[in-house]
Amino acid sequence: MKNQQIVANHLAPRTLRFLSYAIDIIVFYILIFSTGILSPILNARGWIYLLGSNPLIDRLFAMVLFVIYFFLLESLLKGKTIGKLITGTRVVTEEGEKPSIITSLKRNLIRIVPFDTLSFFGEIGWHDRWSKTRVVKAKNFDREFYDQTSIDDLGK
């Protein structure tokens, strides 16, 4: 319960969450664009034709890549993406722990739910609420969380 209060005390404001998301979208599109430029070199013309000729497949493929981008970065960078690194935020569970691989995958799969992006206007996005995660300001959160867990360990 103490950890939940620490998480609540250090939730990232909407402006930081939005900025982080915007940075990640820009990075994502740069990666996609770069891949498109490299496709002739990699002899991937068949894929490009398939994606370009069918808007549904194109959108589904983009959604899958979008989930993979966020999932891989948040898993490898301990709850951070490029945007979160720049804004000084990160994802934690409601208990303040690093999300498991399953939690991270669940969180990022939920992002493709229609209108999830609009849930940003609420206090907590659907992808955070449904996966029991939160985005916190990392530096202050880490300090208080470490202090609290150190105090708890002393009492044992």
N, C-alpha and C. Protein backbone atom coordinates (compact mmCIF):
# COMPACT_ATOMS: atom_id res chain seq x y z
N MET A 1 0.82 -1.20 0.00
CA MET A 1 0.00 0.00 0.00
C MET A 1 0.86 1.26 0.00
N LYS A 2 1.98 1.23 0.76
CA LYS A 2 2.88 2.38 0.77
C LYS A 2 3.42 2.65 -0.62
N ASN A 3 3.77 1.57 -1.33
CA ASN A 3 4.32 1.72 -2.67
C ASN A 3 3.32 2.35 -3.63
N GLN A 4 2.05 2.00 -3.49
CA GLN A 4 1.02 2.61 -4.34
C GLN A 4 0.94 4.11 -4.11
N GLN A 5 1.13 4.53 -2.88
CA GLN A 5 1.10 5.96 -2.57
C GLN A 5 2.31 6.66 -3.19
N ILE A 6 3.46 6.00 -3.15
CA ILE A 6 4.66 6.58 -3.77
C ILE A 6 4.44 6.73 -5.27
N VAL A 7 3.86 5.72 -5.90
CA VAL A 7 3.55 5.79 -7.33
C VAL A 7 2.60 6.96 -7.59
N ALA A 8 1.54 7.05 -6.79
CA ALA A 8 0.55 8.13 -6.96
C ALA A 8 1.18 9.51 -6.79
N ASN A 9 2.14 9.62 -5.89
CA ASN A 9 2.81 10.91 -5.65
C ASN A 9 3.68 11.36 -6.81
N HIS A 10 4.09 10.43 -7.65
CA HIS A 10 5.05 10.77 -8.70
C HIS A 10 4.54 10.50 -10.11
N LEU A 11 3.22 10.45 -10.27
CA LEU A 11 2.67 10.26 -11.61
C LEU A 11 3.14 11.38 -12.53
N ALA A 12 3.49 11.01 -13.74
CA ALA A 12 3.90 12.01 -14.73
C ALA A 12 2.69 12.81 -15.17
N PRO A 13 2.82 14.12 -15.28
CA PRO A 13 1.69 14.92 -15.75
C PRO A 13 1.40 14.65 -17.23
N ARG A 14 0.20 15.00 -17.66
CA ARG A 14 -0.22 14.76 -19.04
C ARG A 14 0.74 15.36 -20.05
N THR A 15 1.26 16.56 -19.74
CA THR A 15 2.16 17.21 -20.69
C THR A 15 3.40 16.36 -20.95
N LEU A 16 3.98 15.79 -19.91
CA LEU A 16 5.16 14.93 -20.09
C LEU A 16 4.79 13.64 -20.82
N ARG A 17 3.64 13.07 -20.47
CA ARG A 17 3.20 11.85 -21.14
C ARG A 17 2.97 12.11 -22.63
N PHE A 18 2.34 13.25 -22.94
CA PHE A 18 2.08 13.60 -24.34
C PHE A 18 3.39 13.83 -25.08
N LEU A 19 4.31 14.57 -24.47
CA LEU A 19 5.60 14.84 -25.10
C LEU A 19 6.36 13.54 -25.36
N SER A 20 6.36 12.66 -24.39
CA SER A 20 7.02 11.36 -24.53
C SER A 20 6.41 10.58 -25.70
N TYR A 21 5.09 10.56 -25.76
CA TYR A 21 4.38 9.84 -26.83
C TYR A 21 4.70 10.46 -28.19
N ALA A 22 4.69 11.80 -28.25
CA ALA A 22 4.98 12.49 -29.51
C ALA A 22 6.40 12.17 -29.99
N ILE A 23 7.35 12.17 -29.09
CA ILE A 23 8.74 11.83 -29.44
C ILE A 23 8.80 10.40 -29.96
N ASP A 24 8.11 9.49 -29.27
CA ASP A 24 8.11 8.09 -29.71
C ASP A 24 7.47 7.91 -31.07
N ILE A 25 6.42 8.65 -31.34
CA ILE A 25 5.77 8.57 -32.66
C ILE A 25 6.74 9.05 -33.74
N ILE A 26 7.44 10.15 -33.47
CA ILE A 26 8.41 10.67 -34.44
C ILE A 26 9.52 9.63 -34.68
N VAL A 27 10.06 9.07 -33.61
CA VAL A 27 11.11 8.05 -33.74
C VAL A 27 10.57 6.84 -34.51
N PHE A 28 9.35 6.41 -34.19
CA PHE A 28 8.74 5.28 -34.87
C PHE A 28 8.64 5.54 -36.37
N TYR A 29 8.15 6.73 -36.76
CA TYR A 29 8.00 7.03 -38.18
C TYR A 29 9.35 7.18 -38.87
N ILE A 30 10.34 7.70 -38.18
CA ILE A 30 11.69 7.77 -38.75
C ILE A 30 12.20 6.35 -39.05
N LEU A 31 11.97 5.44 -38.10
CA LEU A 31 12.38 4.04 -38.32
C LEU A 31 11.64 3.42 -39.50
N ILE A 32 10.34 3.66 -39.57
CA ILE A 32 9.54 3.11 -40.67
C ILE A 32 9.99 3.70 -42.00
N PHE A 33 10.20 5.02 -42.02
CA PHE A 33 10.64 5.70 -43.24
C PHE A 33 12.01 5.17 -43.68
N SER A 34 12.90 5.02 -42.72
CA SER A 34 14.25 4.50 -43.02
C SER A 34 14.18 3.09 -43.59
N THR A 35 13.29 2.29 -43.04
CA THR A 35 13.11 0.93 -43.55
C THR A 35 12.59 0.97 -44.99
N GLY A 36 11.70 1.92 -45.27
CA GLY A 36 11.18 2.07 -46.63
C GLY A 36 12.26 2.46 -47.61
N ILE A 37 13.17 3.32 -47.18
CA ILE A 37 14.27 3.73 -48.05
C ILE A 37 15.21 2.55 -48.31
N LEU A 38 15.42 1.73 -47.28
CA LEU A 38 16.33 0.60 -47.42
C LEU A 38 15.71 -0.60 -48.13
N SER A 39 14.39 -0.61 -48.30
CA SER A 39 13.73 -1.79 -48.86
C SER A 39 14.25 -2.20 -50.24
N PRO A 40 14.55 -1.27 -51.15
CA PRO A 40 15.10 -1.72 -52.44
C PRO A 40 16.46 -2.41 -52.27
N ILE A 41 17.25 -1.90 -51.33
CA ILE A 41 18.56 -2.50 -51.07
C ILE A 41 18.39 -3.90 -50.49
N LEU A 42 17.38 -4.05 -49.63
CA LEU A 42 17.13 -5.34 -48.99
C LEU A 42 16.28 -6.26 -49.85
N ASN A 43 15.95 -5.79 -51.07
CA ASN A 43 15.14 -6.56 -52.01
C ASN A 43 13.78 -6.93 -51.41
N ALA A 44 13.11 -5.95 -50.82
CA ALA A 44 11.82 -6.18 -50.18
C ALA A 44 10.68 -5.57 -50.98
N ARG A 45 10.84 -5.49 -52.30
CA ARG A 45 9.80 -4.86 -53.13
C ARG A 45 8.46 -5.57 -53.03
N GLY A 46 8.48 -6.88 -52.86
CA GLY A 46 7.23 -7.63 -52.74
C GLY A 46 6.42 -7.20 -51.53
N TRP A 47 7.10 -6.99 -50.41
CA TRP A 47 6.43 -6.52 -49.19
C TRP A 47 5.86 -5.13 -49.39
N ILE A 48 6.67 -4.26 -49.98
CA ILE A 48 6.23 -2.88 -50.19
C ILE A 48 4.99 -2.86 -51.09
N TYR A 49 4.98 -3.68 -52.14
CA TYR A 49 3.82 -3.75 -53.03
C TYR A 49 2.60 -4.26 -52.27
N LEU A 50 2.77 -5.32 -51.48
CA LEU A 50 1.67 -5.90 -50.72
C LEU A 50 1.08 -4.88 -49.75
N LEU A 51 1.94 -4.18 -49.04
CA LEU A 51 1.45 -3.19 -48.07
C LEU A 51 0.80 -2.01 -48.77
N GLY A 52 1.38 -1.57 -49.87
CA GLY A 52 0.85 -0.41 -50.59
C GLY A 52 -0.45 -0.70 -51.32
N SER A 53 -0.67 -1.95 -51.69
CA SER A 53 -1.86 -2.28 -52.48
C SER A 53 -3.08 -2.61 -51.62
N ASN A 54 -2.88 -2.82 -50.34
CA ASN A 54 -4.00 -3.18 -49.48
C ASN A 54 -3.94 -2.35 -48.19
N PRO A 55 -4.78 -1.31 -48.09
CA PRO A 55 -4.74 -0.43 -46.91
C PRO A 55 -4.98 -1.16 -45.59
N LEU A 56 -5.81 -2.21 -45.60
CA LEU A 56 -6.07 -2.95 -44.37
C LEU A 56 -4.81 -3.66 -43.88
N ILE A 57 -4.13 -4.34 -44.79
CA ILE A 57 -2.88 -5.02 -44.42
C ILE A 57 -1.85 -3.99 -43.98
N ASP A 58 -1.80 -2.87 -44.67
CA ASP A 58 -0.87 -1.79 -44.32
C ASP A 58 -1.10 -1.32 -42.88
N ARG A 59 -2.35 -1.08 -42.52
CA ARG A 59 -2.67 -0.61 -41.16
C ARG A 59 -2.40 -1.68 -40.11
N LEU A 60 -2.76 -2.91 -40.41
CA LEU A 60 -2.49 -4.00 -39.46
C LEU A 60 -0.99 -4.18 -39.24
N PHE A 61 -0.23 -4.11 -40.31
CA PHE A 61 1.22 -4.23 -40.21
C PHE A 61 1.80 -3.08 -39.39
N ALA A 62 1.30 -1.87 -39.61
CA ALA A 62 1.77 -0.71 -38.84
C ALA A 62 1.43 -0.87 -37.35
N MET A 63 0.24 -1.39 -37.05
CA MET A 63 -0.14 -1.61 -35.65
C MET A 63 0.77 -2.62 -34.98
N VAL A 64 1.07 -3.69 -35.68
CA VAL A 64 1.96 -4.72 -35.13
C VAL A 64 3.34 -4.12 -34.87
N LEU A 65 3.86 -3.36 -35.82
CA LEU A 65 5.17 -2.73 -35.63
C LEU A 65 5.14 -1.74 -34.47
N PHE A 66 4.04 -1.03 -34.33
CA PHE A 66 3.86 -0.05 -33.25
C PHE A 66 3.93 -0.75 -31.89
N VAL A 67 3.22 -1.85 -31.75
CA VAL A 67 3.24 -2.62 -30.50
C VAL A 67 4.64 -3.16 -30.24
N ILE A 68 5.27 -3.68 -31.28
CA ILE A 68 6.63 -4.23 -31.13
C ILE A 68 7.60 -3.14 -30.69
N TYR A 69 7.51 -1.96 -31.29
CA TYR A 69 8.40 -0.85 -30.93
C TYR A 69 8.31 -0.55 -29.43
N PHE A 70 7.10 -0.30 -28.95
CA PHE A 70 6.92 0.05 -27.54
C PHE A 70 7.28 -1.12 -26.63
N PHE A 71 6.84 -2.32 -26.99
CA PHE A 71 7.11 -3.49 -26.16
C PHE A 71 8.61 -3.75 -26.02
N LEU A 72 9.32 -3.76 -27.14
CA LEU A 72 10.76 -4.04 -27.08
C LEU A 72 11.51 -2.99 -26.27
N LEU A 73 11.22 -1.73 -26.54
CA LEU A 73 11.94 -0.68 -25.81
C LEU A 73 11.62 -0.71 -24.32
N GLU A 74 10.33 -0.81 -23.98
CA GLU A 74 9.97 -0.83 -22.56
C GLU A 74 10.53 -2.06 -21.85
N SER A 75 10.65 -3.16 -22.56
CA SER A 75 11.22 -4.37 -21.96
C SER A 75 12.73 -4.26 -21.80
N LEU A 76 13.40 -3.79 -22.83
CA LEU A 76 14.86 -3.71 -22.81
C LEU A 76 15.39 -2.55 -21.96
N LEU A 77 14.63 -1.45 -21.92
CA LEU A 77 15.09 -0.26 -21.21
C LEU A 77 14.41 -0.07 -19.86
N LYS A 78 13.91 -1.15 -19.28
CA LYS A 78 13.32 -1.14 -17.94
C LYS A 78 12.20 -0.10 -17.78
N GLY A 79 11.22 -0.18 -18.67
CA GLY A 79 10.06 0.68 -18.57
C GLY A 79 10.19 2.00 -19.30
N LYS A 80 11.23 2.14 -20.12
CA LYS A 80 11.43 3.39 -20.84
C LYS A 80 11.43 3.16 -22.35
N THR A 81 11.08 4.22 -23.07
CA THR A 81 11.21 4.27 -24.52
C THR A 81 12.11 5.47 -24.80
N ILE A 82 12.38 5.75 -26.05
CA ILE A 82 13.20 6.92 -26.39
C ILE A 82 12.54 8.18 -25.83
N GLY A 83 11.23 8.30 -26.03
CA GLY A 83 10.50 9.46 -25.51
C GLY A 83 10.57 9.56 -24.00
N LYS A 84 10.42 8.44 -23.33
CA LYS A 84 10.48 8.44 -21.86
C LYS A 84 11.89 8.75 -21.36
N LEU A 85 12.92 8.29 -22.07
CA LEU A 85 14.29 8.65 -21.69
C LEU A 85 14.49 10.16 -21.76
N ILE A 86 13.99 10.77 -22.82
CA ILE A 86 14.15 12.22 -23.01
C ILE A 86 13.35 13.00 -21.98
N THR A 87 12.15 12.54 -21.65
CA THR A 87 11.30 13.29 -20.70
C THR A 87 11.53 12.91 -19.25
N GLY A 88 12.35 11.91 -19.00
CA GLY A 88 12.64 11.51 -17.62
C GLY A 88 11.50 10.77 -16.95
N THR A 89 10.76 10.00 -17.74
CA THR A 89 9.64 9.23 -17.18
C THR A 89 9.87 7.75 -17.45
N ARG A 90 9.09 6.91 -16.79
CA ARG A 90 9.14 5.48 -17.06
C ARG A 90 7.88 4.80 -16.57
N VAL A 91 7.67 3.58 -17.05
CA VAL A 91 6.51 2.78 -16.68
C VAL A 91 6.87 1.91 -15.48
N VAL A 92 5.96 1.88 -14.51
CA VAL A 92 6.08 0.98 -13.36
C VAL A 92 4.72 0.33 -13.13
N THR A 93 4.70 -0.74 -12.35
CA THR A 93 3.43 -1.33 -11.97
C THR A 93 2.79 -0.45 -10.90
N GLU A 94 1.54 -0.74 -10.56
CA GLU A 94 0.88 0.03 -9.50
C GLU A 94 1.63 -0.08 -8.18
N GLU A 95 2.41 -1.15 -8.02
CA GLU A 95 3.20 -1.37 -6.80
C GLU A 95 4.59 -0.75 -6.89
N GLY A 96 4.90 -0.12 -8.03
CA GLY A 96 6.19 0.55 -8.18
C GLY A 96 7.31 -0.31 -8.72
N GLU A 97 6.98 -1.53 -9.14
CA GLU A 97 8.01 -2.44 -9.65
C GLU A 97 8.15 -2.31 -11.16
N LYS A 98 9.24 -2.85 -11.69
CA LYS A 98 9.42 -2.92 -13.13
C LYS A 98 8.38 -3.89 -13.69
N PRO A 99 7.67 -3.50 -14.74
CA PRO A 99 6.66 -4.41 -15.31
C PRO A 99 7.29 -5.69 -15.86
N SER A 100 6.59 -6.80 -15.68
CA SER A 100 7.05 -8.07 -16.25
C SER A 100 6.89 -8.01 -17.77
N ILE A 101 7.47 -8.97 -18.44
CA ILE A 101 7.34 -9.06 -19.90
C ILE A 101 5.86 -9.18 -20.29
N ILE A 102 5.11 -10.01 -19.56
CA ILE A 102 3.68 -10.20 -19.85
C ILE A 102 2.91 -8.90 -19.65
N THR A 103 3.19 -8.20 -18.55
CA THR A 103 2.51 -6.93 -18.28
C THR A 103 2.84 -5.91 -19.36
N SER A 104 4.09 -5.85 -19.76
CA SER A 104 4.50 -4.92 -20.81
C SER A 104 3.83 -5.26 -22.14
N LEU A 105 3.76 -6.53 -22.47
CA LEU A 105 3.09 -6.94 -23.70
C LEU A 105 1.60 -6.59 -23.65
N LYS A 106 0.96 -6.88 -22.54
CA LYS A 106 -0.47 -6.56 -22.36
C LYS A 106 -0.69 -5.06 -22.51
N ARG A 107 0.14 -4.27 -21.84
CA ARG A 107 0.03 -2.81 -21.88
C ARG A 107 0.10 -2.30 -23.31
N ASN A 108 1.03 -2.84 -24.07
CA ASN A 108 1.23 -2.34 -25.42
C ASN A 108 0.26 -2.90 -26.44
N LEU A 109 -0.27 -4.10 -26.20
CA LEU A 109 -1.33 -4.61 -27.06
C LEU A 109 -2.61 -3.78 -26.89
N ILE A 110 -2.85 -3.31 -25.68
CA ILE A 110 -4.04 -2.51 -25.41
C ILE A 110 -3.99 -1.19 -26.18
N ARG A 111 -2.80 -0.72 -26.51
CA ARG A 111 -2.66 0.53 -27.27
C ARG A 111 -3.40 0.50 -28.60
N ILE A 112 -3.61 -0.69 -29.17
CA ILE A 112 -4.28 -0.75 -30.47
C ILE A 112 -5.80 -0.77 -30.35
N VAL A 113 -6.31 -0.75 -29.12
CA VAL A 113 -7.76 -0.64 -28.91
C VAL A 113 -8.22 0.71 -29.48
N PRO A 114 -9.26 0.70 -30.31
CA PRO A 114 -9.74 1.97 -30.84
C PRO A 114 -10.03 2.98 -29.72
N PHE A 115 -9.61 4.18 -29.93
CA PHE A 115 -9.83 5.31 -29.03
C PHE A 115 -8.97 5.28 -27.77
N ASP A 116 -8.03 4.33 -27.66
CA ASP A 116 -7.13 4.33 -26.51
C ASP A 116 -6.39 5.65 -26.42
N THR A 117 -6.00 6.20 -27.56
CA THR A 117 -5.27 7.47 -27.57
C THR A 117 -6.09 8.57 -26.90
N LEU A 118 -7.40 8.54 -27.09
CA LEU A 118 -8.25 9.56 -26.47
C LEU A 118 -8.33 9.41 -24.96
N SER A 119 -8.04 8.22 -24.45
CA SER A 119 -8.08 8.02 -23.00
C SER A 119 -6.97 8.81 -22.31
N PHE A 120 -6.04 9.32 -23.09
CA PHE A 120 -4.97 10.17 -22.58
C PHE A 120 -5.54 11.39 -21.85
N PHE A 121 -6.70 11.86 -22.29
CA PHE A 121 -7.29 13.05 -21.68
C PHE A 121 -7.79 12.80 -20.27
N GLY A 122 -7.95 11.54 -19.91
CA GLY A 122 -8.28 11.21 -18.53
C GLY A 122 -7.03 11.21 -17.68
N GLU A 123 -7.20 10.94 -16.41
CA GLU A 123 -6.04 10.93 -15.50
C GLU A 123 -5.09 9.77 -15.82
N ILE A 124 -5.67 8.62 -16.15
CA ILE A 124 -4.86 7.43 -16.44
C ILE A 124 -5.39 6.82 -17.74
N GLY A 125 -4.49 6.55 -18.69
CA GLY A 125 -4.89 5.97 -19.97
C GLY A 125 -5.38 4.54 -19.79
N TRP A 126 -6.20 4.09 -20.74
CA TRP A 126 -6.72 2.72 -20.66
C TRP A 126 -5.60 1.70 -20.63
N HIS A 127 -4.57 1.91 -21.45
CA HIS A 127 -3.49 0.92 -21.49
C HIS A 127 -2.77 0.83 -20.15
N ASP A 128 -2.78 1.91 -19.37
CA ASP A 128 -2.20 1.85 -18.01
C ASP A 128 -3.20 1.25 -17.02
N ARG A 129 -4.43 1.69 -17.10
CA ARG A 129 -5.44 1.20 -16.15
C ARG A 129 -5.64 -0.31 -16.29
N TRP A 130 -5.81 -0.78 -17.51
CA TRP A 130 -6.11 -2.19 -17.74
C TRP A 130 -4.91 -3.11 -17.49
N SER A 131 -3.70 -2.58 -17.61
CA SER A 131 -2.51 -3.41 -17.36
C SER A 131 -1.94 -3.18 -15.96
N LYS A 132 -2.63 -2.31 -15.18
CA LYS A 132 -2.20 -2.00 -13.81
C LYS A 132 -0.78 -1.44 -13.77
N THR A 133 -0.53 -0.49 -14.70
CA THR A 133 0.75 0.20 -14.75
C THR A 133 0.52 1.70 -14.66
N ARG A 134 1.59 2.43 -14.42
CA ARG A 134 1.54 3.89 -14.36
C ARG A 134 2.82 4.44 -14.95
N VAL A 135 2.76 5.68 -15.43
CA VAL A 135 3.95 6.39 -15.89
C VAL A 135 4.31 7.40 -14.81
N VAL A 136 5.55 7.32 -14.34
CA VAL A 136 6.01 8.19 -13.25
C VAL A 136 7.20 9.02 -13.70
N LYS A 137 7.43 10.12 -12.96
CA LYS A 137 8.65 10.91 -13.15
C LYS A 137 9.76 10.10 -12.48
N ALA A 138 10.66 9.58 -13.27
CA ALA A 138 11.60 8.55 -12.82
C ALA A 138 12.52 8.98 -11.68
N LYS A 139 13.16 10.12 -11.80
CA LYS A 139 14.19 10.50 -10.82
C LYS A 139 13.63 10.61 -9.41
N ASN A 140 12.58 11.39 -9.24
CA ASN A 140 11.99 11.57 -7.91
C ASN A 140 11.37 10.27 -7.39
N PHE A 141 10.70 9.55 -8.29
CA PHE A 141 10.10 8.28 -7.90
C PHE A 141 11.17 7.30 -7.42
N ASP A 142 12.23 7.16 -8.21
CA ASP A 142 13.29 6.20 -7.86
C ASP A 142 13.89 6.52 -6.49
N ARG A 143 14.11 7.79 -6.22
CA ARG A 143 14.69 8.20 -4.94
C ARG A 143 13.76 7.82 -3.78
N GLU A 144 12.49 8.21 -3.87
CA GLU A 144 11.56 7.92 -2.78
C GLU A 144 11.31 6.42 -2.64
N PHE A 145 11.18 5.72 -3.76
CA PHE A 145 10.94 4.28 -3.71
C PHE A 145 12.13 3.57 -3.07
N TYR A 146 13.35 3.94 -3.44
CA TYR A 146 14.55 3.34 -2.86
C TYR A 146 14.62 3.63 -1.36
N ASP A 147 14.36 4.89 -0.99
CA ASP A 147 14.39 5.25 0.44
C ASP A 147 13.39 4.42 1.23
N GLN A 148 12.16 4.28 0.70
CA GLN A 148 11.12 3.54 1.40
C GLN A 148 11.46 2.06 1.51
N THR A 149 11.94 1.47 0.43
CA THR A 149 12.27 0.05 0.49
C THR A 149 13.49 -0.19 1.39
N SER A 150 14.40 0.76 1.45
CA SER A 150 15.55 0.63 2.35
C SER A 150 15.10 0.67 3.80
N ILE A 151 14.17 1.56 4.11
CA ILE A 151 13.62 1.66 5.47
C ILE A 151 12.88 0.37 5.82
N ASP A 152 12.08 -0.13 4.87
CA ASP A 152 11.35 -1.38 5.10
C ASP A 152 12.31 -2.54 5.34
N ASP A 153 13.42 -2.58 4.61
CA ASP A 153 14.41 -3.65 4.78
C ASP A 153 15.10 -3.58 6.13
N LEU A 154 15.27 -2.37 6.66
CA LEU A 154 15.90 -2.22 7.98
C LEU A 154 15.05 -2.85 9.08
N GLY A 155 13.74 -2.77 8.91
CA GLY A 155 12.83 -3.30 9.91
C GLY A 155 12.73 -4.82 9.91
N LYS A 156 13.33 -5.46 8.93
CA LYS A 156 13.22 -6.93 8.83
C LYS A 156 14.31 -7.61 9.62
